């Protein structure tokens, strides 16, 4: 354990001014106590921990059991902690983990596919919802926000640490492979987005016991890309009342999974 006296300490580079910092890196930050503890309890590599003395005493045993090098646990008083990260906190406990992307392409069904979803908080909520319904594999295209952005990790509440995440620059090609191997490709899409494909359109209640599900969700404003809709076996939607035509994407996902996943 290392005592930190200055917010300018070079050992704290990963934690400096977090609100203005979202750079490409192989590492990510867990900036909430519960999420950081779940990171420490996972099998993901942890680079360092930064906390106040209160949280060092509270989580000393788990930190010591996880970190290979105890010199990478940094402890500071609250004023130094807050000046380092650039904002006030109720909890003074953070950790840096190494991003993990699955290289295993023998995907475990059911599979969730994320197409062009840009909001990092939506991504975090999607991960948490997917994990809650038992999904293990999530394919994320290069047009979507990274699930390892600070807000995504925070909103996921640690669910991200127990998922097989796959990133792809060729989502269409990946879906074709899944379709060719016997997966049922189901796109969650609004009726107004599928006029030319009305023959594939079903309500979520009309889909009975699908096997080897690959469920696709799309962009918050524009939905799923046209080419992917054409590849889909089923386009499903959630019937709604009171002139409501759409739900937040993570809420819609929860409704869909409650019907599709047994």
C-alpha atoms as a PDB file:
ATOM      1  CA  UNK A   1       0.000   0.000   0.000  1.00  0.00           C
ATOM      2  CA  UNK A   2       1.328   3.431  -1.031  1.00  0.00           C
ATOM      3  CA  UNK A   3       0.350   6.702   0.663  1.00  0.00           C
ATOM      4  CA  UNK A   4      -0.327   9.487  -1.850  1.00  0.00           C
ATOM      5  CA  UNK A   5       0.329  13.083  -0.777  1.00  0.00           C
ATOM      6  CA  UNK A   6      -0.307  14.976  -4.024  1.00  0.00           C
ATOM      7  CA  UNK A   7      -2.975  14.781  -6.751  1.00  0.00           C
ATOM      8  CA  UNK A   8      -0.159  15.338  -9.260  1.00  0.00           C
ATOM      9  CA  UNK A   9       1.591  12.122  -8.288  1.00  0.00           C
ATOM     10  CA  UNK A  10       2.613  10.427 -11.543  1.00  0.00           C
ATOM     11  CA  UNK A  11       1.498   7.041 -10.241  1.00  0.00           C
ATOM     12  CA  UNK A  12      -2.111   8.265 -10.467  1.00  0.00           C
ATOM     13  CA  UNK A  13      -2.110   8.994 -14.197  1.00  0.00           C
ATOM     14  CA  UNK A  14      -4.967   6.539 -14.815  1.00  0.00           C
ATOM     15  CA  UNK A  15      -7.165   8.424 -12.336  1.00  0.00           C
ATOM     16  CA  UNK A  16      -6.449  12.032 -13.304  1.00  0.00           C
ATOM     17  CA  UNK A  17      -9.490  14.211 -14.140  1.00  0.00           C
ATOM     18  CA  UNK A  18     -11.824  11.382 -15.015  1.00  0.00           C
ATOM     19  CA  UNK A  19     -14.768  13.483 -16.219  1.00  0.00           C
ATOM     20  CA  UNK A  20     -12.713  14.986 -19.026  1.00  0.00           C
ATOM     21  CA  UNK A  21     -10.826  11.789 -19.834  1.00  0.00           C
ATOM     22  CA  UNK A  22     -12.158   9.035 -22.082  1.00  0.00           C
ATOM     23  CA  UNK A  23      -9.169   7.962 -24.170  1.00  0.00           C
ATOM     24  CA  UNK A  24      -8.549   4.715 -26.043  1.00  0.00           C
ATOM     25  CA  UNK A  25      -6.805   2.257 -23.769  1.00  0.00           C
ATOM     26  CA  UNK A  26      -6.598  -1.449 -23.043  1.00  0.00           C
ATOM     27  CA  UNK A  27      -7.646  -0.582 -19.473  1.00  0.00           C
ATOM     28  CA  UNK A  28     -10.870   0.712 -17.938  1.00  0.00           C
ATOM     29  CA  UNK A  29     -11.940   2.222 -14.617  1.00  0.00           C
ATOM     30  CA  UNK A  30     -14.472   0.988 -12.078  1.00  0.00           C
ATOM     31  CA  UNK A  31     -15.379   4.215 -10.281  1.00  0.00           C
ATOM     32  CA  UNK A  32     -18.005   3.048  -7.781  1.00  0.00           C
ATOM     33  CA  UNK A  33     -17.418   1.000  -4.653  1.00  0.00           C
ATOM     34  CA  UNK A  34     -19.785  -1.854  -5.512  1.00  0.00           C
ATOM     35  CA  UNK A  35     -18.505  -2.073  -9.076  1.00  0.00           C
ATOM     36  CA  UNK A  36     -14.866  -1.931  -7.983  1.00  0.00           C
ATOM     37  CA  UNK A  37     -15.445  -4.687  -5.426  1.00  0.00           C
ATOM     38  CA  UNK A  38     -17.082  -6.833  -8.096  1.00  0.00           C
ATOM     39  CA  UNK A  39     -14.086  -6.219 -10.331  1.00  0.00           C
ATOM     40  CA  UNK A  40     -11.763  -7.366  -7.550  1.00  0.00           C
ATOM     41  CA  UNK A  41     -13.914 -10.473  -7.078  1.00  0.00           C
ATOM     42  CA  UNK A  42     -13.862 -11.311 -10.793  1.00  0.00           C
ATOM     43  CA  UNK A  43     -11.185 -13.090 -12.816  1.00  0.00           C
ATOM     44  CA  UNK A  44     -10.344  -9.911 -14.743  1.00  0.00           C
ATOM     45  CA  UNK A  45      -6.827  -8.551 -14.317  1.00  0.00           C
ATOM     46  CA  UNK A  46      -6.651  -5.524 -12.005  1.00  0.00           C
ATOM     47  CA  UNK A  47      -3.872  -3.000 -12.572  1.00  0.00           C
ATOM     48  CA  UNK A  48      -4.314  -0.808  -9.488  1.00  0.00           C
ATOM     49  CA  UNK A  49      -6.618   0.429  -6.746  1.00  0.00           C
ATOM     50  CA  UNK A  50      -7.054   4.036  -5.558  1.00  0.00           C
ATOM     51  CA  UNK A  51      -8.981   4.739  -2.365  1.00  0.00           C
ATOM     52  CA  UNK A  52      -9.244   6.698   0.852  1.00  0.00           C
ATOM     53  CA  UNK A  53      -8.064   5.178   4.113  1.00  0.00           C
ATOM     54  CA  UNK A  54     -11.631   4.309   5.119  1.00  0.00           C
ATOM     55  CA  UNK A  55     -12.055   2.068   2.075  1.00  0.00           C
ATOM     56  CA  UNK A  56      -8.554   0.623   2.383  1.00  0.00           C
ATOM     57  CA  UNK A  57      -9.461  -0.618   5.852  1.00  0.00           C
ATOM     58  CA  UNK A  58     -12.859  -1.844   4.662  1.00  0.00           C
ATOM     59  CA  UNK A  59     -11.576  -3.804   1.643  1.00  0.00           C
ATOM     60  CA  UNK A  60      -7.969  -4.518   2.647  1.00  0.00           C
ATOM     61  CA  UNK A  61      -8.317  -8.296   2.504  1.00  0.00           C
ATOM     62  CA  UNK A  62      -9.801  -8.452  -0.980  1.00  0.00           C
ATOM     63  CA  UNK A  63      -7.288  -5.900  -2.316  1.00  0.00           C
ATOM     64  CA  UNK A  64      -4.383  -7.858  -0.905  1.00  0.00           C
ATOM     65  CA  UNK A  65      -5.704 -11.130  -2.287  1.00  0.00           C
ATOM     66  CA  UNK A  66      -6.254  -9.694  -5.784  1.00  0.00           C
ATOM     67  CA  UNK A  67      -3.317  -7.387  -6.469  1.00  0.00           C
ATOM     68  CA  UNK A  68      -0.097  -9.129  -7.388  1.00  0.00           C
ATOM     69  CA  UNK A  69       1.868  -6.031  -6.417  1.00  0.00           C
ATOM     70  CA  UNK A  70       0.682  -4.281  -3.245  1.00  0.00           C
ATOM     71  CA  UNK A  71       2.584  -1.172  -4.333  1.00  0.00           C
ATOM     72  CA  UNK A  72      -0.212  -0.641  -6.857  1.00  0.00           C
ATOM     73  CA  UNK A  73      -2.734   0.155  -4.145  1.00  0.00           C
ATOM     74  CA  UNK A  74      -2.747   3.922  -3.634  1.00  0.00           C
ATOM     75  CA  UNK A  75      -4.300   5.504  -0.539  1.00  0.00           C
ATOM     76  CA  UNK A  76      -4.970   9.228  -0.094  1.00  0.00           C
ATOM     77  CA  UNK A  77      -7.089  11.475   2.085  1.00  0.00           C
ATOM     78  CA  UNK A  78     -10.411  12.572   0.583  1.00  0.00           C
ATOM     79  CA  UNK A  79      -9.253  16.019  -0.540  1.00  0.00           C
ATOM     80  CA  UNK A  80      -6.340  14.561  -2.528  1.00  0.00           C
ATOM     81  CA  UNK A  81      -8.596  11.802  -3.877  1.00  0.00           C
ATOM     82  CA  UNK A  82     -11.196  14.280  -5.143  1.00  0.00           C
ATOM     83  CA  UNK A  83      -8.655  16.707  -6.563  1.00  0.00           C
ATOM     84  CA  UNK A  84      -7.046  13.862  -8.477  1.00  0.00           C
ATOM     85  CA  UNK A  85     -10.231  12.598 -10.126  1.00  0.00           C
ATOM     86  CA  UNK A  86     -11.745  16.070 -10.590  1.00  0.00           C
ATOM     87  CA  UNK A  87     -15.085  15.789  -8.789  1.00  0.00           C
ATOM     88  CA  UNK A  88     -16.637  15.235  -5.363  1.00  0.00           C
ATOM     89  CA  UNK A  89     -17.517  11.696  -4.322  1.00  0.00           C
ATOM     90  CA  UNK A  90     -19.495   9.959  -1.597  1.00  0.00           C
ATOM     91  CA  UNK A  91     -17.366   6.851  -1.963  1.00  0.00           C
ATOM     92  CA  UNK A  92     -13.590   6.946  -2.209  1.00  0.00           C
ATOM     93  CA  UNK A  93     -12.847   3.642  -3.890  1.00  0.00           C
ATOM     94  CA  UNK A  94     -11.829   2.966  -7.506  1.00  0.00           C
ATOM     95  CA  UNK A  95      -9.915   0.354  -9.462  1.00  0.00           C
ATOM     96  CA  UNK A  96      -8.347  -0.020 -12.899  1.00  0.00           C
ATOM     97  CA  UNK A  97      -8.976  -3.260 -14.799  1.00  0.00           C
ATOM     98  CA  UNK A  98      -7.746  -4.640 -18.099  1.00  0.00           C
ATOM     99  CA  UNK A  99     -10.323  -4.941 -20.872  1.00  0.00           C
ATOM    100  CA  UNK A 100     -11.257  -8.494 -21.772  1.00  0.00           C
ATOM    101  CA  UNK A 101     -12.634  -9.447 -25.175  1.00  0.00           C
ATOM    102  CA  UNK A 102     -13.497 -13.020 -25.984  1.00  0.00           C
ATOM    103  CA  UNK A 103     -11.558 -14.732 -28.779  1.00  0.00           C
ATOM    104  CA  UNK A 104     -13.715 -17.859 -28.561  1.00  0.00           C
ATOM    105  CA  UNK A 105     -16.100 -17.878 -31.518  1.00  0.00           C
ATOM    106  CA  UNK A 106     -17.988 -20.973 -30.350  1.00  0.00           C
ATOM    107  CA  UNK A 107     -20.765 -18.775 -29.045  1.00  0.00           C
ATOM    108  CA  UNK A 108     -23.087 -19.868 -26.270  1.00  0.00           C
ATOM    109  CA  UNK A 109     -26.775 -19.208 -26.998  1.00  0.00           C
ATOM    110  CA  UNK A 110     -28.765 -17.111 -26.384  1.00  0.00           C
ATOM    111  CA  UNK A 111     -26.680 -14.350 -27.969  1.00  0.00           C
ATOM    112  CA  UNK A 112     -27.303 -10.603 -27.886  1.00  0.00           C
ATOM    113  CA  UNK A 113     -26.095  -8.407 -30.760  1.00  0.00           C
ATOM    114  CA  UNK A 114     -25.658  -4.645 -30.303  1.00  0.00           C
ATOM    115  CA  UNK A 115     -25.848  -2.626 -33.538  1.00  0.00           C
ATOM    116  CA  UNK A 116     -24.816   1.055 -33.535  1.00  0.00           C
ATOM    117  CA  UNK A 117     -25.912   1.920 -29.992  1.00  0.00           C
ATOM    118  CA  UNK A 118     -24.040   5.099 -29.123  1.00  0.00           C
ATOM    119  CA  UNK A 119     -25.021   6.040 -25.582  1.00  0.00           C
ATOM    120  CA  UNK A 120     -22.602   4.611 -23.000  1.00  0.00           C
ATOM    121  CA  UNK A 121     -25.211   4.544 -20.231  1.00  0.00           C
ATOM    122  CA  UNK A 122     -27.576   2.613 -22.490  1.00  0.00           C
ATOM    123  CA  UNK A 123     -24.775   0.128 -23.149  1.00  0.00           C
ATOM    124  CA  UNK A 124     -24.228  -0.341 -19.407  1.00  0.00           C
ATOM    125  CA  UNK A 125     -27.932  -0.850 -18.780  1.00  0.00           C
ATOM    126  CA  UNK A 126     -28.141  -3.328 -21.670  1.00  0.00           C
ATOM    127  CA  UNK A 127     -25.288  -5.393 -20.213  1.00  0.00           C
ATOM    128  CA  UNK A 128     -26.931  -5.516 -16.799  1.00  0.00           C
ATOM    129  CA  UNK A 129     -30.311  -6.481 -18.293  1.00  0.00           C
ATOM    130  CA  UNK A 130     -28.780  -9.156 -20.518  1.00  0.00           C
ATOM    131  CA  UNK A 131     -26.885 -10.707 -17.621  1.00  0.00           C
ATOM    132  CA  UNK A 132     -30.034 -10.700 -15.476  1.00  0.00           C
ATOM    133  CA  UNK A 133     -31.820 -12.872 -18.057  1.00  0.00           C
ATOM    134  CA  UNK A 134     -28.943 -15.319 -18.410  1.00  0.00           C
ATOM    135  CA  UNK A 135     -27.307 -14.104 -21.594  1.00  0.00           C
ATOM    136  CA  UNK A 136     -23.586 -14.879 -21.603  1.00  0.00           C
ATOM    137  CA  UNK A 137     -22.436 -13.795 -25.074  1.00  0.00           C
ATOM    138  CA  UNK A 138     -22.769 -10.259 -26.436  1.00  0.00           C
ATOM    139  CA  UNK A 139     -21.512  -9.216 -29.862  1.00  0.00           C
ATOM    140  CA  UNK A 140     -20.859  -5.490 -30.218  1.00  0.00           C
ATOM    141  CA  UNK A 141     -20.160  -3.797 -33.530  1.00  0.00           C
ATOM    142  CA  UNK A 142     -17.514  -1.128 -34.056  1.00  0.00           C
ATOM    143  CA  UNK A 143     -20.190   1.580 -34.485  1.00  0.00           C
ATOM    144  CA  UNK A 144     -21.382   1.178 -30.893  1.00  0.00           C
ATOM    145  CA  UNK A 145     -19.936   2.807 -27.783  1.00  0.00           C
ATOM    146  CA  UNK A 146     -17.395   0.674 -25.962  1.00  0.00           C
ATOM    147  CA  UNK A 147     -18.831  -1.266 -23.019  1.00  0.00           C
ATOM    148  CA  UNK A 148     -15.638  -0.354 -21.145  1.00  0.00           C
ATOM    149  CA  UNK A 149     -16.313   3.380 -21.060  1.00  0.00           C
ATOM    150  CA  UNK A 150     -16.501   4.634 -17.473  1.00  0.00           C
ATOM    151  CA  UNK A 151     -20.262   5.248 -17.505  1.00  0.00           C
ATOM    152  CA  UNK A 152     -20.980   1.907 -19.174  1.00  0.00           C
ATOM    153  CA  UNK A 153     -19.038  -0.002 -16.548  1.00  0.00           C
ATOM    154  CA  UNK A 154     -20.693   1.981 -13.758  1.00  0.00           C
ATOM    155  CA  UNK A 155     -24.255   1.486 -15.025  1.00  0.00           C
ATOM    156  CA  UNK A 156     -23.640  -2.210 -15.667  1.00  0.00           C
ATOM    157  CA  UNK A 157     -23.025  -2.569 -11.904  1.00  0.00           C
ATOM    158  CA  UNK A 158     -20.332  -5.150 -12.559  1.00  0.00           C
ATOM    159  CA  UNK A 159     -22.381  -7.341 -14.919  1.00  0.00           C
ATOM    160  CA  UNK A 160     -19.759  -6.661 -17.587  1.00  0.00           C
ATOM    161  CA  UNK A 161     -17.196  -8.720 -15.658  1.00  0.00           C
ATOM    162  CA  UNK A 162     -19.159 -11.955 -16.140  1.00  0.00           C
ATOM    163  CA  UNK A 163     -20.044 -11.669 -19.841  1.00  0.00           C
ATOM    164  CA  UNK A 164     -18.304 -12.938 -22.969  1.00  0.00           C
ATOM    165  CA  UNK A 165     -17.892  -9.768 -25.006  1.00  0.00           C
ATOM    166  CA  UNK A 166     -17.054 -10.024 -28.698  1.00  0.00           C
ATOM    167  CA  UNK A 167     -16.219  -6.997 -30.840  1.00  0.00           C
ATOM    168  CA  UNK A 168     -16.552  -7.102 -34.607  1.00  0.00           C
ATOM    169  CA  UNK A 169     -15.881  -4.788 -37.525  1.00  0.00           C
ATOM    170  CA  UNK A 170     -18.020  -6.993 -39.800  1.00  0.00           C
ATOM    171  CA  UNK A 171     -21.354  -7.460 -38.092  1.00  0.00           C
ATOM    172  CA  UNK A 172     -23.148  -8.463 -41.293  1.00  0.00           C
ATOM    173  CA  UNK A 173     -20.589 -11.208 -41.927  1.00  0.00           C
ATOM    174  CA  UNK A 174     -20.866 -12.399 -38.337  1.00  0.00           C
ATOM    175  CA  UNK A 175     -24.659 -12.620 -38.533  1.00  0.00           C
ATOM    176  CA  UNK A 176     -24.424 -14.563 -41.808  1.00  0.00           C
ATOM    177  CA  UNK A 177     -22.153 -17.103 -40.082  1.00  0.00           C
ATOM    178  CA  UNK A 178     -24.549 -17.451 -37.156  1.00  0.00           C
ATOM    179  CA  UNK A 179     -27.498 -17.839 -39.506  1.00  0.00           C
ATOM    180  CA  UNK A 180     -25.631 -20.479 -41.507  1.00  0.00           C
ATOM    181  CA  UNK A 181     -24.892 -22.458 -38.350  1.00  0.00           C
ATOM    182  CA  UNK A 182     -28.579 -22.731 -37.420  1.00  0.00           C
ATOM    183  CA  UNK A 183     -29.171 -19.707 -35.201  1.00  0.00           C
ATOM    184  CA  UNK A 184     -32.579 -18.014 -35.157  1.00  0.00           C
ATOM    185  CA  UNK A 185     -31.927 -14.351 -36.007  1.00  0.00           C
ATOM    186  CA  UNK A 186     -34.505 -12.140 -34.309  1.00  0.00           C
ATOM    187  CA  UNK A 187     -34.379  -8.354 -34.621  1.00  0.00           C
ATOM    188  CA  UNK A 188     -36.203  -6.146 -32.128  1.00  0.00           C
ATOM    189  CA  UNK A 189     -37.630  -3.446 -34.361  1.00  0.00           C
ATOM    190  CA  UNK A 190     -40.559  -1.042 -34.538  1.00  0.00           C
ATOM    191  CA  UNK A 191     -43.221  -1.744 -37.207  1.00  0.00           C
ATOM    192  CA  UNK A 192     -42.619   1.663 -38.827  1.00  0.00           C
ATOM    193  CA  UNK A 193     -38.994   0.629 -39.472  1.00  0.00           C
ATOM    194  CA  UNK A 194     -39.931  -2.597 -41.285  1.00  0.00           C
ATOM    195  CA  UNK A 195     -42.521  -1.652 -43.924  1.00  0.00           C
ATOM    196  CA  UNK A 196     -40.719  -3.487 -46.732  1.00  0.00           C
ATOM    197  CA  UNK A 197     -40.366  -6.630 -44.585  1.00  0.00           C
ATOM    198  CA  UNK A 198     -43.850  -6.903 -43.123  1.00  0.00           C
ATOM    199  CA  UNK A 199     -43.959 -10.637 -43.866  1.00  0.00           C
ATOM    200  CA  UNK A 200     -41.328 -11.216 -41.170  1.00  0.00           C
ATOM    201  CA  UNK A 201     -43.030  -9.008 -38.590  1.00  0.00           C
ATOM    202  CA  UNK A 202     -44.454 -10.527 -35.389  1.00  0.00           C
ATOM    203  CA  UNK A 203     -45.378  -9.259 -31.968  1.00  0.00           C
ATOM    204  CA  UNK A 204     -43.174 -10.489 -29.158  1.00  0.00           C
ATOM    205  CA  UNK A 205     -46.123 -12.606 -27.924  1.00  0.00           C
ATOM    206  CA  UNK A 206     -46.395 -14.494 -31.225  1.00  0.00           C
ATOM    207  CA  UNK A 207     -42.894 -15.969 -31.031  1.00  0.00           C
ATOM    208  CA  UNK A 208     -42.997 -19.383 -29.378  1.00  0.00           C
ATOM    209  CA  UNK A 209     -39.963 -21.219 -27.994  1.00  0.00           C
ATOM    210  CA  UNK A 210     -37.315 -20.076 -30.488  1.00  0.00           C
ATOM    211  CA  UNK A 211     -34.141 -22.165 -30.513  1.00  0.00           C
ATOM    212  CA  UNK A 212     -30.560 -20.871 -30.617  1.00  0.00           C
ATOM    213  CA  UNK A 213     -31.647 -17.260 -30.343  1.00  0.00           C
ATOM    214  CA  UNK A 214     -29.574 -14.390 -31.654  1.00  0.00           C
ATOM    215  CA  UNK A 215     -31.419 -11.236 -30.592  1.00  0.00           C
ATOM    216  CA  UNK A 216     -30.400  -7.976 -32.273  1.00  0.00           C
ATOM    217  CA  UNK A 217     -31.043  -4.491 -30.881  1.00  0.00           C
ATOM    218  CA  UNK A 218     -30.266  -1.277 -32.713  1.00  0.00           C
ATOM    219  CA  UNK A 219     -29.525   2.420 -32.632  1.00  0.00           C
ATOM    220  CA  UNK A 220     -31.558   4.599 -30.248  1.00  0.00           C
ATOM    221  CA  UNK A 221     -32.856   6.848 -33.073  1.00  0.00           C
ATOM    222  CA  UNK A 222     -32.548   4.877 -36.300  1.00  0.00           C
ATOM    223  CA  UNK A 223     -33.003   1.280 -35.220  1.00  0.00           C
ATOM    224  CA  UNK A 224     -31.257  -1.707 -36.794  1.00  0.00           C
ATOM    225  CA  UNK A 225     -29.424  -1.315 -40.092  1.00  0.00           C
ATOM    226  CA  UNK A 226     -31.420  -2.296 -43.194  1.00  0.00           C
ATOM    227  CA  UNK A 227     -29.065  -5.052 -44.354  1.00  0.00           C
ATOM    228  CA  UNK A 228     -29.281  -6.717 -40.952  1.00  0.00           C
ATOM    229  CA  UNK A 229     -33.080  -6.529 -40.982  1.00  0.00           C
ATOM    230  CA  UNK A 230     -33.073  -8.368 -44.324  1.00  0.00           C
ATOM    231  CA  UNK A 231     -30.887 -11.116 -42.836  1.00  0.00           C
ATOM    232  CA  UNK A 232     -33.228 -11.595 -39.884  1.00  0.00           C
ATOM    233  CA  UNK A 233     -35.621 -14.534 -39.681  1.00  0.00           C
ATOM    234  CA  UNK A 234     -38.097 -12.605 -37.526  1.00  0.00           C
ATOM    235  CA  UNK A 235     -38.666  -8.906 -36.879  1.00  0.00           C
ATOM    236  CA  UNK A 236     -40.416  -8.587 -33.546  1.00  0.00           C
ATOM    237  CA  UNK A 237     -41.991  -5.662 -31.765  1.00  0.00           C
ATOM    238  CA  UNK A 238     -43.604  -4.916 -28.418  1.00  0.00           C
ATOM    239  CA  UNK A 239     -47.285  -3.887 -28.637  1.00  0.00           C
ATOM    240  CA  UNK A 240     -47.833  -0.610 -26.762  1.00  0.00           C
ATOM    241  CA  UNK A 241     -50.803   1.503 -25.723  1.00  0.00           C
ATOM    242  CA  UNK A 242     -51.643   5.154 -25.020  1.00  0.00           C
ATOM    243  CA  UNK A 243     -49.928   6.373 -28.200  1.00  0.00           C
ATOM    244  CA  UNK A 244     -46.505   5.335 -26.949  1.00  0.00           C
ATOM    245  CA  UNK A 245     -44.508   4.130 -29.941  1.00  0.00           C
ATOM    246  CA  UNK A 246     -41.167   3.205 -28.367  1.00  0.00           C
ATOM    247  CA  UNK A 247     -39.289   2.388 -25.157  1.00  0.00           C
ATOM    248  CA  UNK A 248     -35.741   3.043 -24.076  1.00  0.00           C
ATOM    249  CA  UNK A 249     -33.630   0.358 -25.727  1.00  0.00           C
ATOM    250  CA  UNK A 250     -32.615  -1.327 -22.462  1.00  0.00           C
ATOM    251  CA  UNK A 251     -36.238  -1.354 -21.246  1.00  0.00           C
ATOM    252  CA  UNK A 252     -37.371  -2.842 -24.560  1.00  0.00           C
ATOM    253  CA  UNK A 253     -34.663  -5.473 -24.234  1.00  0.00           C
ATOM    254  CA  UNK A 254     -35.935  -6.471 -20.774  1.00  0.00           C
ATOM    255  CA  UNK A 255     -39.470  -6.921 -22.097  1.00  0.00           C
ATOM    256  CA  UNK A 256     -38.256  -8.940 -25.082  1.00  0.00           C
ATOM    257  CA  UNK A 257     -36.045 -11.233 -23.004  1.00  0.00           C
ATOM    258  CA  UNK A 258     -38.834 -11.874 -20.519  1.00  0.00           C
ATOM    259  CA  UNK A 259     -40.852 -13.364 -23.402  1.00  0.00           C
ATOM    260  CA  UNK A 260     -38.083 -15.042 -25.398  1.00  0.00           C
ATOM    261  CA  UNK A 261     -35.824 -16.569 -22.750  1.00  0.00           C
ATOM    262  CA  UNK A 262     -37.191 -19.448 -20.709  1.00  0.00           C
END
